[in-house]
Amino acid sequence: MSTLQEGLTQVAAGRAGMLLCRPTAAYHRREDVAFVPVEGVPESALGLVWHREGESAAVRAFARAVTCRGVSLGVARPVA
């Protein structure tokens, strides 16, 4: 699977299962997929990642903007 929509299609077809955070599940709600709360796992955290060769002034500005708005991203760094 390479996209969230593809994953949800696989779930709807009975070929897969996915673990999503609550906001993602709510945003992508589908009639053919049951979203069941999972207890006992830590709250999810967001992270901002980008390909090492894709770093740009716009990416750095976005990282600064969301951090300044109180969104905790941990350490924003590029990945290979």
Protein backbone atom coordinates (compact mmCIF):
# COMPACT_ATOMS: atom_id res chain seq x y z
CA MET A 1 0.00 0.00 0.00
CA SER A 2 1.34 3.41 -0.85
CA THR A 3 -1.51 5.77 0.05
CA LEU A 4 -4.00 6.07 2.87
CA GLN A 5 -6.89 5.73 0.42
CA GLU A 6 -5.41 2.53 -0.98
CA GLY A 7 -5.06 1.20 2.54
CA LEU A 8 -8.67 2.02 3.38
CA THR A 9 -9.79 0.28 0.18
CA GLN A 10 -7.85 -2.83 1.25
CA VAL A 11 -9.51 -2.65 4.68
CA ALA A 12 -12.96 -2.34 3.10
CA ALA A 13 -12.21 -5.40 0.97
CA GLY A 14 -11.25 -7.40 4.07
CA ARG A 15 -7.60 -7.72 3.05
CA ALA A 16 -5.95 -5.45 5.61
CA GLY A 17 -6.29 -3.54 8.86
CA MET A 18 -4.93 -0.13 9.80
CA LEU A 19 -4.17 1.75 12.99
CA LEU A 20 -4.99 5.47 12.57
CA CYS A 21 -5.06 8.37 14.98
CA ARG A 22 -8.54 9.64 15.84
CA PRO A 23 -8.41 12.83 13.71
CA THR A 24 -7.29 10.87 10.64
CA ALA A 25 -10.00 8.27 11.15
CA ALA A 26 -12.63 10.99 11.56
CA TYR A 27 -11.47 12.86 8.47
CA HIS A 28 -11.45 9.72 6.30
CA ARG A 29 -14.65 8.17 7.65
CA ARG A 30 -16.16 5.63 5.25
CA GLU A 31 -19.45 3.75 5.38
CA ASP A 32 -17.73 0.48 4.39
CA VAL A 33 -15.06 0.61 7.14
CA ALA A 34 -15.58 0.23 10.88
CA PHE A 35 -13.49 2.61 12.99
CA VAL A 36 -13.01 1.06 16.44
CA PRO A 37 -11.27 2.99 19.25
CA VAL A 38 -8.11 1.32 20.58
CA GLU A 39 -7.43 1.64 24.30
CA GLY A 40 -4.10 1.48 26.08
CA VAL A 41 -1.84 3.08 23.48
CA PRO A 42 -0.12 6.44 23.98
CA GLU A 43 -1.45 9.58 22.34
CA SER A 44 -0.18 10.01 18.81
CA ALA A 45 2.34 12.67 17.91
CA LEU A 46 2.90 14.50 14.66
CA GLY A 47 6.19 14.90 12.93
CA LEU A 48 7.29 16.91 9.95
CA VAL A 49 9.63 15.03 7.62
CA TRP A 50 10.90 15.69 4.14
CA HIS A 51 13.32 14.10 1.75
CA ARG A 52 16.85 15.37 2.24
CA GLU A 53 16.98 16.66 -1.34
CA GLY A 54 13.56 18.32 -0.99
CA GLU A 55 14.48 20.80 1.71
CA SER A 56 13.76 24.34 0.64
CA ALA A 57 13.10 27.75 2.07
CA ALA A 58 9.37 26.99 1.89
CA VAL A 59 9.77 23.76 3.89
CA ARG A 60 11.86 25.51 6.55
CA ALA A 61 9.32 28.36 6.72
CA PHE A 62 6.46 25.87 7.13
CA ALA A 63 8.34 24.07 9.93
CA ARG A 64 8.90 27.41 11.70
CA ALA A 65 5.27 28.47 11.20
CA VAL A 66 3.69 25.37 12.71
CA THR A 67 6.18 25.33 15.58
CA CYS A 68 5.44 28.99 16.34
CA ARG A 69 1.73 28.21 16.52
CA GLY A 70 2.27 25.84 19.42
CA VAL A 71 2.31 22.62 17.44
CA SER A 72 4.96 20.38 18.91
CA LEU A 73 6.78 18.57 16.12
CA GLY A 74 9.70 17.28 18.12
CA VAL A 75 12.85 17.77 16.11
CA ALA A 76 12.06 18.63 12.49
CA ARG A 77 14.73 17.09 10.30
CA PRO A 78 15.09 15.71 6.82
CA VAL A 79 15.09 11.98 6.10
CA ALA A 80 16.87 10.16 3.32
